[in-house]
Amino acid sequence: YDRQLPTQALTPAPKNYEPYYMSHYGRHGSRWLIQQSHY
């Protein structure tokens, strides 16, 4: 994931608005391969 991090800044909130809630779904981070046979 860290090899593709964005470089562009996020757009500021619209005038007179503020963030109040985040709804998120994320994958686990880097792992070993799943099956012994892969190695």
PDB file of all heavy atoms in Angstrom:
ATOM      1  N   TYR A   1       0.821  -1.217   0.000  1.00  0.00           N
ATOM      2  CA  TYR A   1       0.000   0.000   0.000  1.00  0.00           C
ATOM      3  C   TYR A   1       0.852   1.264   0.000  1.00  0.00           C
ATOM      4  O   TYR A   1       0.538   2.237  -0.693  1.00  0.00           O
ATOM      5  CB  TYR A   1      -0.918  -0.022   1.225  1.00  0.00           C
ATOM      6  CG  TYR A   1      -1.933   1.089   1.280  1.00  0.00           C
ATOM      7  CD1 TYR A   1      -3.164   0.959   0.649  1.00  0.00           C
ATOM      8  CD2 TYR A   1      -1.681   2.269   1.990  1.00  0.00           C
ATOM      9  CE1 TYR A   1      -4.117   1.966   0.705  1.00  0.00           C
ATOM     10  CE2 TYR A   1      -2.623   3.277   2.046  1.00  0.00           C
ATOM     11  CZ  TYR A   1      -3.841   3.121   1.401  1.00  0.00           C
ATOM     12  OH  TYR A   1      -4.773   4.126   1.463  1.00  0.00           O
ATOM     13  N   ASP A   2       1.923   1.247   0.757  1.00  0.00           N
ATOM     14  CA  ASP A   2       2.728   2.453   0.924  1.00  0.00           C
ATOM     15  C   ASP A   2       3.525   2.812  -0.331  1.00  0.00           C
ATOM     16  O   ASP A   2       4.098   3.904  -0.410  1.00  0.00           O
ATOM     17  CB  ASP A   2       3.680   2.289   2.105  1.00  0.00           C
ATOM     18  CG  ASP A   2       2.941   2.273   3.438  1.00  0.00           C
ATOM     19  OD1 ASP A   2       1.761   2.676   3.468  1.00  0.00           O
ATOM     20  OD2 ASP A   2       3.526   1.823   4.444  1.00  0.00           O
ATOM     21  N   ARG A   3       3.560   1.906  -1.314  1.00  0.00           N
ATOM     22  CA  ARG A   3       4.244   2.204  -2.573  1.00  0.00           C
ATOM     23  C   ARG A   3       3.324   2.901  -3.575  1.00  0.00           C
ATOM     24  O   ARG A   3       3.728   3.172  -4.705  1.00  0.00           O
ATOM     25  CB  ARG A   3       4.814   0.923  -3.190  1.00  0.00           C
ATOM     26  CG  ARG A   3       5.910   0.277  -2.341  1.00  0.00           C
ATOM     27  CD  ARG A   3       6.481  -0.949  -3.025  1.00  0.00           C
ATOM     28  NE  ARG A   3       7.441  -1.652  -2.186  1.00  0.00           N
ATOM     29  CZ  ARG A   3       8.736  -1.367  -2.086  1.00  0.00           C
ATOM     30  NH1 ARG A   3       9.228  -0.353  -2.784  1.00  0.00           N
ATOM     31  NH2 ARG A   3       9.533  -2.065  -1.301  1.00  0.00           N
ATOM     32  N   GLN A   4       2.081   3.174  -3.204  1.00  0.00           N
ATOM     33  CA  GLN A   4       1.149   3.840  -4.106  1.00  0.00           C
ATOM     34  C   GLN A   4       0.419   4.986  -3.426  1.00  0.00           C
ATOM     35  O   GLN A   4      -0.650   5.398  -3.870  1.00  0.00           O
ATOM     36  CB  GLN A   4       0.143   2.818  -4.656  1.00  0.00           C
ATOM     37  CG  GLN A   4      -0.721   2.091  -3.628  1.00  0.00           C
ATOM     38  CD  GLN A   4      -1.916   2.899  -3.165  1.00  0.00           C
ATOM     39  OE1 GLN A   4      -2.790   3.251  -3.962  1.00  0.00           O
ATOM     40  NE2 GLN A   4      -1.951   3.205  -1.867  1.00  0.00           N
ATOM     41  N   LEU A   5       0.990   5.524  -2.356  1.00  0.00           N
ATOM     42  CA  LEU A   5       0.314   6.587  -1.619  1.00  0.00           C
ATOM     43  C   LEU A   5       0.098   7.812  -2.503  1.00  0.00           C
ATOM     44  O   LEU A   5       0.952   8.176  -3.308  1.00  0.00           O
ATOM     45  CB  LEU A   5       1.126   6.984  -0.393  1.00  0.00           C
ATOM     46  CG  LEU A   5       1.178   5.961   0.744  1.00  0.00           C
ATOM     47  CD1 LEU A   5       2.114   6.458   1.837  1.00  0.00           C
ATOM     48  CD2 LEU A   5      -0.212   5.708   1.307  1.00  0.00           C
ATOM     49  N   PRO A   6      -1.066   8.459  -2.376  1.00  0.00           N
ATOM     50  CA  PRO A   6      -1.340   9.658  -3.186  1.00  0.00           C
ATOM     51  C   PRO A   6      -0.428  10.806  -2.786  1.00  0.00           C
ATOM     52  O   PRO A   6       0.001  10.913  -1.638  1.00  0.00           O
ATOM     53  CB  PRO A   6      -2.798   9.969  -2.874  1.00  0.00           C
ATOM     54  CG  PRO A   6      -3.038   9.373  -1.517  1.00  0.00           C
ATOM     55  CD  PRO A   6      -2.186   8.139  -1.468  1.00  0.00           C
ATOM     56  N   THR A   7      -0.145  11.645  -3.749  1.00  0.00           N
ATOM     57  CA  THR A   7       0.684  12.827  -3.483  1.00  0.00           C
ATOM     58  C   THR A   7      -0.150  14.099  -3.520  1.00  0.00           C
ATOM     59  O   THR A   7       0.311  15.150  -3.067  1.00  0.00           O
ATOM     60  CB  THR A   7       1.808  12.924  -4.525  1.00  0.00           C
ATOM     61  OG1 THR A   7       1.227  12.938  -5.848  1.00  0.00           O
ATOM     62  CG2 THR A   7       2.755  11.734  -4.418  1.00  0.00           C
ATOM     63  N   GLN A   8      -1.365  14.026  -4.047  1.00  0.00           N
ATOM     64  CA  GLN A   8      -2.215  15.204  -4.161  1.00  0.00           C
ATOM     65  C   GLN A   8      -3.001  15.428  -2.881  1.00  0.00           C
ATOM     66  O   GLN A   8      -3.566  14.491  -2.310  1.00  0.00           O
ATOM     67  CB  GLN A   8      -3.182  15.046  -5.345  1.00  0.00           C
ATOM     68  CG  GLN A   8      -3.957  16.300  -5.663  1.00  0.00           C
ATOM     69  CD  GLN A   8      -4.721  16.170  -6.976  1.00  0.00           C
ATOM     70  OE1 GLN A   8      -4.528  15.220  -7.713  1.00  0.00           O
ATOM     71  NE2 GLN A   8      -5.598  17.126  -7.240  1.00  0.00           N
ATOM     72  N   ALA A   9      -3.052  16.667  -2.428  1.00  0.00           N
ATOM     73  CA  ALA A   9      -3.776  17.010  -1.202  1.00  0.00           C
ATOM     74  C   ALA A   9      -5.278  16.859  -1.412  1.00  0.00           C
ATOM     75  O   ALA A   9      -5.793  16.989  -2.528  1.00  0.00           O
ATOM     76  CB  ALA A   9      -3.451  18.440  -0.793  1.00  0.00           C
ATOM     77  N   LEU A  10      -5.982  16.574  -0.324  1.00  0.00           N
ATOM     78  CA  LEU A  10      -7.433  16.446  -0.394  1.00  0.00           C
ATOM     79  C   LEU A  10      -8.083  17.820  -0.559  1.00  0.00           C
ATOM     80  O   LEU A  10      -7.573  18.832  -0.075  1.00  0.00           O
ATOM     81  CB  LEU A  10      -7.963  15.775   0.878  1.00  0.00           C
ATOM     82  CG  LEU A  10      -7.498  14.348   1.143  1.00  0.00           C
ATOM     83  CD1 LEU A  10      -8.097  13.831   2.452  1.00  0.00           C
ATOM     84  CD2 LEU A  10      -7.873  13.424  -0.007  1.00  0.00           C
ATOM     85  N   THR A  11      -9.221  17.829  -1.242  1.00  0.00           N
ATOM     86  CA  THR A  11      -9.973  19.068  -1.452  1.00  0.00           C
ATOM     87  C   THR A  11     -10.563  19.554  -0.122  1.00  0.00           C
ATOM     88  O   THR A  11     -11.170  18.767   0.604  1.00  0.00           O
ATOM     89  CB  THR A  11     -11.119  18.827  -2.451  1.00  0.00           C
ATOM     90  OG1 THR A  11     -10.574  18.278  -3.656  1.00  0.00           O
ATOM     91  CG2 THR A  11     -11.865  20.115  -2.757  1.00  0.00           C
ATOM     92  N   PRO A  12     -10.401  20.812   0.215  1.00  0.00           N
ATOM     93  CA  PRO A  12     -10.978  21.318   1.471  1.00  0.00           C
ATOM     94  C   PRO A  12     -12.491  21.147   1.500  1.00  0.00           C
ATOM     95  O   PRO A  12     -13.149  21.048   0.458  1.00  0.00           O
ATOM     96  CB  PRO A  12     -10.588  22.799   1.465  1.00  0.00           C
ATOM     97  CG  PRO A  12      -9.420  22.889   0.532  1.00  0.00           C
ATOM     98  CD  PRO A  12      -9.642  21.839  -0.509  1.00  0.00           C
ATOM     99  N   ALA A  13     -13.043  21.127   2.699  1.00  0.00           N
ATOM    100  CA  ALA A  13     -14.497  21.019   2.856  1.00  0.00           C
ATOM    101  C   ALA A  13     -15.173  22.221   2.214  1.00  0.00           C
ATOM    102  O   ALA A  13     -14.624  23.323   2.186  1.00  0.00           O
ATOM    103  CB  ALA A  13     -14.852  20.953   4.335  1.00  0.00           C
ATOM    104  N   PRO A  14     -16.382  22.020   1.669  1.00  0.00           N
ATOM    105  CA  PRO A  14     -17.121  23.168   1.119  1.00  0.00           C
ATOM    106  C   PRO A  14     -17.343  24.232   2.198  1.00  0.00           C
ATOM    107  O   PRO A  14     -17.364  23.927   3.393  1.00  0.00           O
ATOM    108  CB  PRO A  14     -18.449  22.541   0.680  1.00  0.00           C
ATOM    109  CG  PRO A  14     -18.161  21.080   0.508  1.00  0.00           C
ATOM    110  CD  PRO A  14     -17.116  20.759   1.526  1.00  0.00           C
ATOM    111  N   LYS A  15     -17.541  25.454   1.773  1.00  0.00           N
ATOM    112  CA  LYS A  15     -17.746  26.563   2.706  1.00  0.00           C
ATOM    113  C   LYS A  15     -18.944  26.271   3.613  1.00  0.00           C
ATOM    114  O   LYS A  15     -19.993  25.835   3.159  1.00  0.00           O
ATOM    115  CB  LYS A  15     -17.981  27.850   1.926  1.00  0.00           C
ATOM    116  CG  LYS A  15     -18.091  29.086   2.820  1.00  0.00           C
ATOM    117  CD  LYS A  15     -18.285  30.348   1.987  1.00  0.00           C
ATOM    118  CE  LYS A  15     -18.394  31.575   2.887  1.00  0.00           C
ATOM    119  NZ  LYS A  15     -18.597  32.816   2.086  1.00  0.00           N
ATOM    120  N   ASN A  16     -18.731  26.493   4.897  1.00  0.00           N
ATOM    121  CA  ASN A  16     -19.763  26.310   5.932  1.00  0.00           C
ATOM    122  C   ASN A  16     -20.121  24.841   6.174  1.00  0.00           C
ATOM    123  O   ASN A  16     -21.170  24.544   6.747  1.00  0.00           O
ATOM    124  CB  ASN A  16     -21.031  27.111   5.602  1.00  0.00           C
ATOM    125  CG  ASN A  16     -20.794  28.601   5.595  1.00  0.00           C
ATOM    126  OD1 ASN A  16     -20.009  29.115   6.392  1.00  0.00           O
ATOM    127  ND2 ASN A  16     -21.460  29.307   4.686  1.00  0.00           N
ATOM    128  N   TYR A  17     -19.252  23.916   5.746  1.00  0.00           N
ATOM    129  CA  TYR A  17     -19.460  22.498   6.001  1.00  0.00           C
ATOM    130  C   TYR A  17     -18.312  21.927   6.823  1.00  0.00           C
ATOM    131  O   TYR A  17     -17.180  22.439   6.795  1.00  0.00           O
ATOM    132  CB  TYR A  17     -19.556  21.718   4.693  1.00  0.00           C
ATOM    133  CG  TYR A  17     -20.954  21.666   4.108  1.00  0.00           C
ATOM    134  CD1 TYR A  17     -21.435  22.714   3.319  1.00  0.00           C
ATOM    135  CD2 TYR A  17     -21.795  20.580   4.340  1.00  0.00           C
ATOM    136  CE1 TYR A  17     -22.712  22.678   2.779  1.00  0.00           C
ATOM    137  CE2 TYR A  17     -23.072  20.530   3.806  1.00  0.00           C
ATOM    138  CZ  TYR A  17     -23.527  21.577   3.018  1.00  0.00           C
ATOM    139  OH  TYR A  17     -24.788  21.523   2.492  1.00  0.00           O
ATOM    140  N   GLU A  18     -18.597  20.831   7.542  1.00  0.00           N
ATOM    141  CA  GLU A  18     -17.580  20.138   8.312  1.00  0.00           C
ATOM    142  C   GLU A  18     -17.833  18.632   8.254  1.00  0.00           C
ATOM    143  O   GLU A  18     -18.989  18.194   8.209  1.00  0.00           O
ATOM    144  CB  GLU A  18     -17.608  20.602   9.766  1.00  0.00           C
ATOM    145  CG  GLU A  18     -18.924  20.331  10.472  1.00  0.00           C
ATOM    146  CD  GLU A  18     -18.967  20.883  11.885  1.00  0.00           C
ATOM    147  OE1 GLU A  18     -17.966  21.483  12.313  1.00  0.00           O
ATOM    148  OE2 GLU A  18     -20.008  20.706  12.563  1.00  0.00           O
ATOM    149  N   PRO A  19     -16.771  17.814   8.246  1.00  0.00           N
ATOM    150  CA  PRO A  19     -16.961  16.364   8.267  1.00  0.00           C
ATOM    151  C   PRO A  19     -17.401  15.913   9.659  1.00  0.00           C
ATOM    152  O   PRO A  19     -16.947  16.464  10.671  1.00  0.00           O
ATOM    153  CB  PRO A  19     -15.580  15.822   7.928  1.00  0.00           C
ATOM    154  CG  PRO A  19     -14.637  16.874   8.383  1.00  0.00           C
ATOM    155  CD  PRO A  19     -15.346  18.178   8.191  1.00  0.00           C
ATOM    156  N   TYR A  20     -18.301  14.930   9.699  1.00  0.00           N
ATOM    157  CA  TYR A  20     -18.772  14.455  10.999  1.00  0.00           C
ATOM    158  C   TYR A  20     -18.878  12.937  11.104  1.00  0.00           C
ATOM    159  O   TYR A  20     -19.063  12.398  12.198  1.00  0.00           O
ATOM    160  CB  TYR A  20     -20.140  15.069  11.327  1.00  0.00           C
ATOM    161  CG  TYR A  20     -21.289  14.501  10.510  1.00  0.00           C
ATOM    162  CD1 TYR A  20     -22.129  13.513  11.040  1.00  0.00           C
ATOM    163  CD2 TYR A  20     -21.524  14.944   9.213  1.00  0.00           C
ATOM    164  CE1 TYR A  20     -23.182  12.988  10.298  1.00  0.00           C
ATOM    165  CE2 TYR A  20     -22.580  14.430   8.469  1.00  0.00           C
ATOM    166  CZ  TYR A  20     -23.396  13.445   9.008  1.00  0.00           C
ATOM    167  OH  TYR A  20     -24.421  12.931   8.264  1.00  0.00           O
ATOM    168  N   TYR A  21     -18.729  12.234   9.985  1.00  0.00           N
ATOM    169  CA  TYR A  21     -18.882  10.777  10.036  1.00  0.00           C
ATOM    170  C   TYR A  21     -18.051  10.140   8.935  1.00  0.00           C
ATOM    171  O   TYR A  21     -18.024  10.636   7.802  1.00  0.00           O
ATOM    172  CB  TYR A  21     -20.347  10.391   9.860  1.00  0.00           C
ATOM    173  CG  TYR A  21     -20.602   8.889   9.747  1.00  0.00           C
ATOM    174  CD1 TYR A  21     -20.171   8.013  10.740  1.00  0.00           C
ATOM    175  CD2 TYR A  21     -21.281   8.361   8.660  1.00  0.00           C
ATOM    176  CE1 TYR A  21     -20.408   6.643  10.635  1.00  0.00           C
ATOM    177  CE2 TYR A  21     -21.533   6.994   8.549  1.00  0.00           C
ATOM    178  CZ  TYR A  21     -21.085   6.135   9.537  1.00  0.00           C
ATOM    179  OH  TYR A  21     -21.312   4.784   9.431  1.00  0.00           O
ATOM    180  N   MET A  22     -17.366   9.037   9.281  1.00  0.00           N
ATOM    181  CA  MET A  22     -16.673   8.232   8.282  1.00  0.00           C
ATOM    182  C   MET A  22     -17.213   6.815   8.302  1.00  0.00           C
ATOM    183  O   MET A  22     -17.320   6.193   9.356  1.00  0.00           O
ATOM    184  CB  MET A  22     -15.160   8.192   8.501  1.00  0.00           C
ATOM    185  CG  MET A  22     -14.448   7.267   7.487  1.00  0.00           C
ATOM    186  SD  MET A  22     -12.669   7.095   7.724  1.00  0.00           S
ATOM    187  CE  MET A  22     -12.109   8.676   7.090  1.00  0.00           C
ATOM    188  N   SER A  23     -17.533   6.317   7.104  1.00  0.00           N
ATOM    189  CA  SER A  23     -17.921   4.924   6.924  1.00  0.00           C
ATOM    190  C   SER A  23     -16.835   4.267   6.076  1.00  0.00           C
ATOM    191  O   SER A  23     -16.551   4.719   4.960  1.00  0.00           O
ATOM    192  CB  SER A  23     -19.277   4.833   6.231  1.00  0.00           C
ATOM    193  OG  SER A  23     -19.710   3.488   6.130  1.00  0.00           O
ATOM    194  N   HIS A  24     -16.256   3.191   6.581  1.00  0.00           N
ATOM    195  CA  HIS A  24     -15.008   2.654   6.018  1.00  0.00           C
ATOM    196  C   HIS A  24     -15.077   1.145   5.862  1.00  0.00           C
ATOM    197  O   HIS A  24     -15.724   0.446   6.655  1.00  0.00           O
ATOM    198  CB  HIS A  24     -13.877   3.050   6.978  1.00  0.00           C
ATOM    199  CG  HIS A  24     -12.657   2.166   6.957  1.00  0.00           C
ATOM    200  ND1 HIS A  24     -12.629   0.912   7.563  1.00  0.00           N
ATOM    201  CD2 HIS A  24     -11.412   2.363   6.446  1.00  0.00           C
ATOM    202  CE1 HIS A  24     -11.428   0.389   7.409  1.00  0.00           C
ATOM    203  NE2 HIS A  24     -10.672   1.248   6.738  1.00  0.00           N
ATOM    204  N   TYR A  25     -14.456   0.649   4.794  1.00  0.00           N
ATOM    205  CA  TYR A  25     -14.165  -0.792   4.690  1.00  0.00           C
ATOM    206  C   TYR A  25     -12.740  -0.919   4.193  1.00  0.00           C
ATOM    207  O   TYR A  25     -12.362  -0.316   3.179  1.00  0.00           O
ATOM    208  CB  TYR A  25     -15.109  -1.512   3.724  1.00  0.00           C
ATOM    209  CG  TYR A  25     -14.916  -3.025   3.775  1.00  0.00           C
ATOM    210  CD1 TYR A  25     -15.764  -3.824   4.535  1.00  0.00           C
ATOM    211  CD2 TYR A  25     -13.872  -3.649   3.102  1.00  0.00           C
ATOM    212  CE1 TYR A  25     -15.579  -5.203   4.617  1.00  0.00           C
ATOM    213  CE2 TYR A  25     -13.664  -5.013   3.177  1.00  0.00           C
ATOM    214  CZ  TYR A  25     -14.525  -5.794   3.935  1.00  0.00           C
ATOM    215  OH  TYR A  25     -14.327  -7.159   4.026  1.00  0.00           O
ATOM    216  N   GLY A  26     -11.929  -1.697   4.918  1.00  0.00           N
ATOM    217  CA  GLY A  26     -10.532  -1.838   4.547  1.00  0.00           C
ATOM    218  C   GLY A  26     -10.064  -3.278   4.553  1.00  0.00           C
ATOM    219  O   GLY A  26     -10.550  -4.111   5.321  1.00  0.00           O
ATOM    220  N   ARG A  27      -9.127  -3.551   3.696  1.00  0.00           N
ATOM    221  CA  ARG A  27      -8.508  -4.869   3.632  1.00  0.00           C
ATOM    222  C   ARG A  27      -7.368  -4.936   4.645  1.00  0.00           C
ATOM    223  O   ARG A  27      -6.758  -3.926   4.997  1.00  0.00           O
ATOM    224  CB  ARG A  27      -7.934  -5.094   2.233  1.00  0.00           C
ATOM    225  CG  ARG A  27      -7.270  -6.445   2.025  1.00  0.00           C
ATOM    226  CD  ARG A  27      -6.411  -6.463   0.776  1.00  0.00           C
ATOM    227  NE  ARG A  27      -5.858  -7.795   0.534  1.00  0.00           N
ATOM    228  CZ  ARG A  27      -4.912  -8.075  -0.359  1.00  0.00           C
ATOM    229  NH1 ARG A  27      -4.402  -7.095  -1.090  1.00  0.00           N
ATOM    230  NH2 ARG A  27      -4.472  -9.309  -0.517  1.00  0.00           N
ATOM    231  N   HIS A  28      -7.068  -6.147   5.091  1.00  0.00           N
ATOM    232  CA  HIS A  28      -5.895  -6.354   5.935  1.00  0.00           C
ATOM    233  C   HIS A  28      -4.634  -5.909   5.208  1.00  0.00           C
ATOM    234  O   HIS A  28      -4.601  -5.766   3.977  1.00  0.00           O
ATOM    235  CB  HIS A  28      -5.769  -7.838   6.300  1.00  0.00           C
ATOM    236  CG  HIS A  28      -5.645  -8.727   5.094  1.00  0.00           C
ATOM    237  ND1 HIS A  28      -4.479  -8.848   4.359  1.00  0.00           N
ATOM    238  CD2 HIS A  28      -6.549  -9.516   4.481  1.00  0.00           C
ATOM    239  CE1 HIS A  28      -4.665  -9.678   3.364  1.00  0.00           C
ATOM    240  NE2 HIS A  28      -5.925 -10.096   3.387  1.00  0.00           N
ATOM    241  N   GLY A  29      -3.562  -5.747   5.945  1.00  0.00           N
ATOM    242  CA  GLY A  29      -2.300  -5.338   5.357  1.00  0.00           C
ATOM    243  C   GLY A  29      -1.526  -6.498   4.762  1.00  0.00           C
ATOM    244  O   GLY A  29      -2.023  -7.623   4.656  1.00  0.00           O
ATOM    245  N   SER A  30      -0.300  -6.221   4.370  1.00  0.00           N
ATOM    246  CA  SER A  30       0.543  -7.219   3.703  1.00  0.00           C
ATOM    247  C   SER A  30       0.690  -8.482   4.540  1.00  0.00           C
ATOM    248  O   SER A  30       0.749  -8.427   5.767  1.00  0.00           O
ATOM    249  CB  SER A  30       1.917  -6.626   3.401  1.00  0.00           C
ATOM    250  OG  SER A  30       1.838  -5.678   2.356  1.00  0.00           O
ATOM    251  N   ARG A  31       0.800  -9.607   3.848  1.00  0.00           N
ATOM    252  CA  ARG A  31       0.820 -10.910   4.514  1.00  0.00           C
ATOM    253  C   ARG A  31       1.768 -11.860   3.802  1.00  0.00           C
ATOM    254  O   ARG A  31       2.194 -11.616   2.667  1.00  0.00           O
ATOM    255  CB  ARG A  31      -0.586 -11.518   4.510  1.00  0.00           C
ATOM    256  CG  ARG A  31      -1.184 -11.651   3.107  1.00  0.00           C
ATOM    257  CD  ARG A  31      -2.349 -12.583   3.074  1.00  0.00           C
ATOM    258  NE  ARG A  31      -3.068 -12.577   1.808  1.00  0.00           N
ATOM    259  CZ  ARG A  31      -2.673 -13.156   0.686  1.00  0.00           C
ATOM    260  NH1 ARG A  31      -1.500 -13.778   0.634  1.00  0.00           N
ATOM    261  NH2 ARG A  31      -3.432 -13.115  -0.410  1.00  0.00           N
ATOM    262  N   TRP A  32       2.069 -12.965   4.490  1.00  0.00           N
ATOM    263  CA  TRP A  32       2.707 -14.079   3.815  1.00  0.00           C
ATOM    264  C   TRP A  32       1.719 -14.670   2.813  1.00  0.00           C
ATOM    265  O   TRP A  32       0.498 -14.440   2.918  1.00  0.00           O
ATOM    266  CB  TRP A  32       3.104 -15.167   4.818  1.00  0.00           C
ATOM    267  CG  TRP A  32       4.442 -15.006   5.452  1.00  0.00           C
ATOM    268  CD1 TRP A  32       5.629 -15.546   5.031  1.00  0.00           C
ATOM    269  CD2 TRP A  32       4.769 -14.278   6.649  1.00  0.00           C
ATOM    270  NE1 TRP A  32       6.655 -15.193   5.878  1.00  0.00           N
ATOM    271  CE2 TRP A  32       6.148 -14.409   6.882  1.00  0.00           C
ATOM    272  CE3 TRP A  32       4.007 -13.523   7.545  1.00  0.00           C
ATOM    273  CZ2 TRP A  32       6.794 -13.834   7.959  1.00  0.00           C
ATOM    274  CZ3 TRP A  32       4.631 -12.928   8.622  1.00  0.00           C
ATOM    275  CH2 TRP A  32       6.013 -13.083   8.824  1.00  0.00           C
ATOM    276  N   LEU A  33       2.218 -15.415   1.849  1.00  0.00           N
ATOM    277  CA  LEU A  33       1.334 -16.118   0.927  1.00  0.00           C
ATOM    278  C   LEU A  33       0.473 -17.113   1.695  1.00  0.00           C
ATOM    279  O   LEU A  33       0.825 -17.536   2.802  1.00  0.00           O
ATOM    280  CB  LEU A  33       2.148 -16.814  -0.161  1.00  0.00           C
ATOM    281  CG  LEU A  33       2.887 -15.858  -1.123  1.00  0.00           C
ATOM    282  CD1 LEU A  33       3.832 -16.642  -2.046  1.00  0.00           C
ATOM    283  CD2 LEU A  33       1.900 -15.038  -1.942  1.00  0.00           C
ATOM    284  N   ILE A  34      -0.641 -17.497   1.102  1.00  0.00           N
ATOM    285  CA  ILE A  34      -1.664 -18.256   1.822  1.00  0.00           C
ATOM    286  C   ILE A  34      -1.336 -19.737   1.963  1.00  0.00           C
ATOM    287  O   ILE A  34      -1.582 -20.347   3.004  1.00  0.00           O
ATOM    288  CB  ILE A  34      -3.023 -18.102   1.113  1.00  0.00           C
ATOM    289  CG1 ILE A  34      -3.492 -16.644   1.172  1.00  0.00           C
ATOM    290  CG2 ILE A  34      -4.076 -19.016   1.727  1.00  0.00           C
ATOM    291  CD1 ILE A  34      -3.861 -16.166   2.556  1.00  0.00           C
ATOM    292  N   GLN A  35      -0.767 -20.339   0.910  1.00  0.00           N
ATOM    293  CA  GLN A  35      -0.555 -21.783   0.899  1.00  0.00           C
ATOM    294  C   GLN A  35       0.935 -22.124   0.885  1.00  0.00           C
ATOM    295  O   GLN A  35       1.725 -21.451   0.216  1.00  0.00           O
ATOM    296  CB  GLN A  35      -1.241 -22.415  -0.313  1.00  0.00           C
ATOM    297  CG  GLN A  35      -2.746 -22.239  -0.343  1.00  0.00           C
ATOM    298  CD  GLN A  35      -3.370 -22.807  -1.602  1.00  0.00           C
ATOM    299  OE1 GLN A  35      -2.720 -23.480  -2.387  1.00  0.00           O
ATOM    300  NE2 GLN A  35      -4.655 -22.535  -1.787  1.00  0.00           N
ATOM    301  N   GLN A  36       1.303 -23.191   1.594  1.00  0.00           N
ATOM    302  CA  GLN A  36       2.700 -23.623   1.619  1.00  0.00           C
ATOM    303  C   GLN A  36       3.208 -23.928   0.220  1.00  0.00           C
ATOM    304  O   GLN A  36       4.366 -23.675  -0.111  1.00  0.00           O
ATOM    305  CB  GLN A  36       2.831 -24.871   2.501  1.00  0.00           C
ATOM    306  CG  GLN A  36       4.220 -25.054   3.104  1.00  0.00           C
ATOM    307  CD  GLN A  36       4.468 -24.100   4.277  1.00  0.00           C
ATOM    308  OE1 GLN A  36       3.728 -24.119   5.237  1.00  0.00           O
ATOM    309  NE2 GLN A  36       5.506 -23.285   4.182  1.00  0.00           N
ATOM    310  N   SER A  37       2.314 -24.450  -0.623  1.00  0.00           N
ATOM    311  CA  SER A  37       2.720 -24.831  -1.980  1.00  0.00           C
ATOM    312  C   SER A  37       3.150 -23.629  -2.812  1.00  0.00           C
ATOM    313  O   SER A  37       3.875 -23.792  -3.802  1.00  0.00           O
ATOM    314  CB  SER A  37       1.583 -25.578  -2.685  1.00  0.00           C
ATOM    315  OG  SER A  37       0.423 -24.765  -2.778  1.00  0.00           O
ATOM    316  N   HIS A  38       2.700 -22.435  -2.428  1.00  0.00           N
ATOM    317  CA  HIS A  38       3.145 -21.240  -3.147  1.00  0.00           C
ATOM    318  C   HIS A  38       4.666 -21.096  -3.062  1.00  0.00           C
ATOM    319  O   HIS A  38       5.289 -20.541  -3.975  1.00  0.00           O
ATOM    320  CB  HIS A  38       2.480 -19.992  -2.573  1.00  0.00           C
ATOM    321  CG  HIS A  38       1.027 -19.893  -2.905  1.00  0.00           C
ATOM    322  ND1 HIS A  38       0.133 -19.157  -2.147  1.00  0.00           N
ATOM    323  CD2 HIS A  38       0.290 -20.438  -3.896  1.00  0.00           C
ATOM    324  CE1 HIS A  38      -1.081 -19.249  -2.665  1.00  0.00           C
ATOM    325  NE2 HIS A  38      -1.005 -20.024  -3.726  1.00  0.00           N
ATOM    326  N   TYR A  39       5.242 -21.574  -1.984  1.00  0.00           N
ATOM    327  CA  TYR A  39       6.696 -21.547  -1.819  1.00  0.00           C
ATOM    328  C   TYR A  39       7.350 -22.862  -2.249  1.00  0.00           C
ATOM    329  O   TYR A  39       8.401 -22.861  -2.889  1.00  0.00           O
ATOM    330  CB  TYR A  39       7.044 -21.264  -0.357  1.00  0.00           C
ATOM    331  CG  TYR A  39       6.539 -19.942   0.167  1.00  0.00           C
ATOM    332  CD1 TYR A  39       5.419 -19.886   1.011  1.00  0.00           C
ATOM    333  CD2 TYR A  39       7.156 -18.740  -0.165  1.00  0.00           C
ATOM    334  CE1 TYR A  39       4.946 -18.677   1.502  1.00  0.00           C
ATOM    335  CE2 TYR A  39       6.687 -17.526   0.323  1.00  0.00           C
ATOM    336  CZ  TYR A  39       5.574 -17.498   1.152  1.00  0.00           C
ATOM    337  OH  TYR A  39       5.101 -16.296   1.628  1.00  0.00           O
TER     338      TYR A  39
END
